[in-house]
Amino acid sequence: MNSKIRNATDNWHEEQMKVEKLSKLVQELRSNLPEQSFQARLIELTKQNSILDINLLRLTRKYQTLAEQEDLLRREYHNREADLGEKDRFV
């Protein structure tokens, strides 16, 4: 339960940091660029951010899948080793 609360607070802090960074970026862009250029730049950065988030999710899923497969393979290997050890005892 404590770990879930800790994870939730960590996620909340990460999201707060993202919001702060984005608001700073918006302020910087507004001060340096004309309105049309600002909107185009903001749209482009939003697209890039979305793509990076999607890529992160995909990589996370791939990593989790590979970690589960590795765990399964290790279990199978150790089970076979144990079976072979038992067969050697009886032979």
C-alpha atoms as a PDB file:
ATOM      1  CA  MET A   1       0.000   0.000   0.000  1.00  0.00           C
ATOM      2  CA  ASN A   2       2.834   2.373   0.893  1.00  0.00           C
ATOM      3  CA  SER A   3       4.602   1.596  -2.359  1.00  0.00           C
ATOM      4  CA  LYS A   4       1.444   2.425  -4.342  1.00  0.00           C
ATOM      5  CA  ILE A   5       1.130   5.744  -2.526  1.00  0.00           C
ATOM      6  CA  ARG A   6       4.819   6.430  -3.090  1.00  0.00           C
ATOM      7  CA  ASN A   7       4.478   5.600  -6.792  1.00  0.00           C
ATOM      8  CA  ALA A   8       1.414   7.812  -7.097  1.00  0.00           C
ATOM      9  CA  THR A   9       3.171  10.750  -5.448  1.00  0.00           C
ATOM     10  CA  ASP A  10       6.232  10.205  -7.644  1.00  0.00           C
ATOM     11  CA  ASN A  11       4.031  10.188 -10.740  1.00  0.00           C
ATOM     12  CA  TRP A  12       2.269  13.322  -9.551  1.00  0.00           C
ATOM     13  CA  HIS A  13       5.604  15.085  -9.017  1.00  0.00           C
ATOM     14  CA  GLU A  14       6.789  14.026 -12.466  1.00  0.00           C
ATOM     15  CA  GLU A  15       3.613  15.404 -14.026  1.00  0.00           C
ATOM     16  CA  GLN A  16       4.040  18.653 -12.085  1.00  0.00           C
ATOM     17  CA  MET A  17       7.593  18.947 -13.403  1.00  0.00           C
ATOM     18  CA  LYS A  18       6.317  18.418 -16.961  1.00  0.00           C
ATOM     19  CA  VAL A  19       3.683  21.118 -16.488  1.00  0.00           C
ATOM     20  CA  GLU A  20       6.262  23.537 -15.124  1.00  0.00           C
ATOM     21  CA  LYS A  21       8.648  22.845 -18.009  1.00  0.00           C
ATOM     22  CA  LEU A  22       5.896  23.297 -20.565  1.00  0.00           C
ATOM     23  CA  SER A  23       4.706  26.551 -19.010  1.00  0.00           C
ATOM     24  CA  LYS A  24       8.291  27.873 -18.982  1.00  0.00           C
ATOM     25  CA  LEU A  25       8.655  26.851 -22.606  1.00  0.00           C
ATOM     26  CA  VAL A  26       5.420  28.609 -23.514  1.00  0.00           C
ATOM     27  CA  GLN A  27       6.561  31.791 -21.798  1.00  0.00           C
ATOM     28  CA  GLU A  28       9.930  31.654 -23.576  1.00  0.00           C
ATOM     29  CA  LEU A  29       8.341  31.061 -26.931  1.00  0.00           C
ATOM     30  CA  ARG A  30       5.845  33.869 -26.485  1.00  0.00           C
ATOM     31  CA  SER A  31       8.565  36.337 -25.654  1.00  0.00           C
ATOM     32  CA  ASN A  32      10.818  35.338 -28.562  1.00  0.00           C
ATOM     33  CA  LEU A  33       8.448  34.585 -31.442  1.00  0.00           C
ATOM     34  CA  PRO A  34       5.552  36.309 -33.189  1.00  0.00           C
ATOM     35  CA  GLU A  35       2.093  34.798 -32.585  1.00  0.00           C
ATOM     36  CA  GLN A  36       1.816  32.657 -35.743  1.00  0.00           C
ATOM     37  CA  SER A  37       5.328  31.350 -35.448  1.00  0.00           C
ATOM     38  CA  PHE A  38       4.712  30.674 -31.765  1.00  0.00           C
ATOM     39  CA  GLN A  39       1.643  28.579 -32.484  1.00  0.00           C
ATOM     40  CA  ALA A  40       3.410  26.603 -35.206  1.00  0.00           C
ATOM     41  CA  ARG A  41       6.382  25.947 -32.930  1.00  0.00           C
ATOM     42  CA  LEU A  42       4.075  24.948 -30.063  1.00  0.00           C
ATOM     43  CA  ILE A  43       2.194  22.536 -32.326  1.00  0.00           C
ATOM     44  CA  GLU A  44       5.435  20.999 -33.558  1.00  0.00           C
ATOM     45  CA  LEU A  45       6.793  20.566 -30.022  1.00  0.00           C
ATOM     46  CA  THR A  46       3.502  19.044 -28.879  1.00  0.00           C
ATOM     47  CA  LYS A  47       3.653  16.529 -31.730  1.00  0.00           C
ATOM     48  CA  GLN A  48       7.229  15.619 -30.872  1.00  0.00           C
ATOM     49  CA  ASN A  49       6.334  15.229 -27.205  1.00  0.00           C
ATOM     50  CA  SER A  50       3.395  12.973 -28.075  1.00  0.00           C
ATOM     51  CA  ILE A  51       5.558  10.822 -30.319  1.00  0.00           C
ATOM     52  CA  LEU A  52       8.181  10.489 -27.591  1.00  0.00           C
ATOM     53  CA  ASP A  53       5.518   9.509 -25.039  1.00  0.00           C
ATOM     54  CA  ILE A  54       4.125   6.863 -27.386  1.00  0.00           C
ATOM     55  CA  ASN A  55       7.610   5.516 -28.073  1.00  0.00           C
ATOM     56  CA  LEU A  56       8.277   5.349 -24.354  1.00  0.00           C
ATOM     57  CA  LEU A  57       5.075   3.360 -23.823  1.00  0.00           C
ATOM     58  CA  ARG A  58       5.962   0.966 -26.649  1.00  0.00           C
ATOM     59  CA  LEU A  59       9.469   0.422 -25.335  1.00  0.00           C
ATOM     60  CA  THR A  60       8.147  -0.107 -21.819  1.00  0.00           C
ATOM     61  CA  ARG A  61       5.711  -2.742 -23.059  1.00  0.00           C
ATOM     62  CA  LYS A  62       8.420  -4.449 -25.101  1.00  0.00           C
ATOM     63  CA  TYR A  63      10.757  -4.458 -22.112  1.00  0.00           C
ATOM     64  CA  GLN A  64       8.078  -5.926 -19.848  1.00  0.00           C
ATOM     65  CA  THR A  65       7.247  -8.608 -22.411  1.00  0.00           C
ATOM     66  CA  LEU A  66      10.898  -9.522 -22.874  1.00  0.00           C
ATOM     67  CA  ALA A  67      11.446  -9.595 -19.113  1.00  0.00           C
ATOM     68  CA  GLU A  68       8.490 -11.976 -18.718  1.00  0.00           C
ATOM     69  CA  GLN A  69       9.798 -14.190 -21.526  1.00  0.00           C
ATOM     70  CA  GLU A  70      13.239 -14.265 -19.941  1.00  0.00           C
ATOM     71  CA  ASP A  71      11.714 -15.222 -16.600  1.00  0.00           C
ATOM     72  CA  LEU A  72       9.756 -18.033 -18.256  1.00  0.00           C
ATOM     73  CA  LEU A  73      12.825 -19.325 -20.079  1.00  0.00           C
ATOM     74  CA  ARG A  74      14.878 -19.258 -16.890  1.00  0.00           C
ATOM     75  CA  ARG A  75      12.181 -21.210 -15.034  1.00  0.00           C
ATOM     76  CA  GLU A  76      11.983 -23.784 -17.831  1.00  0.00           C
ATOM     77  CA  TYR A  77      15.765 -24.129 -17.884  1.00  0.00           C
ATOM     78  CA  HIS A  78      15.994 -24.614 -14.134  1.00  0.00           C
ATOM     79  CA  ASN A  79      13.106 -27.113 -14.193  1.00  0.00           C
ATOM     80  CA  ARG A  80      14.835 -29.124 -16.916  1.00  0.00           C
ATOM     81  CA  GLU A  81      18.107 -29.025 -15.003  1.00  0.00           C
ATOM     82  CA  ALA A  82      16.301 -30.308 -11.917  1.00  0.00           C
ATOM     83  CA  ASP A  83      14.623 -33.068 -13.961  1.00  0.00           C
ATOM     84  CA  LEU A  84      17.952 -34.119 -15.463  1.00  0.00           C
ATOM     85  CA  GLY A  85      19.478 -34.166 -11.997  1.00  0.00           C
ATOM     86  CA  GLU A  86      16.727 -36.469 -10.752  1.00  0.00           C
ATOM     87  CA  LYS A  87      17.169 -38.791 -13.748  1.00  0.00           C
ATOM     88  CA  ASP A  88      20.897 -38.987 -13.078  1.00  0.00           C
ATOM     89  CA  ARG A  89      20.198 -40.029  -9.489  1.00  0.00           C
ATOM     90  CA  PHE A  90      18.068 -42.977 -10.576  1.00  0.00           C
ATOM     91  CA  VAL A  91      20.406 -44.122 -13.332  1.00  0.00           C
END
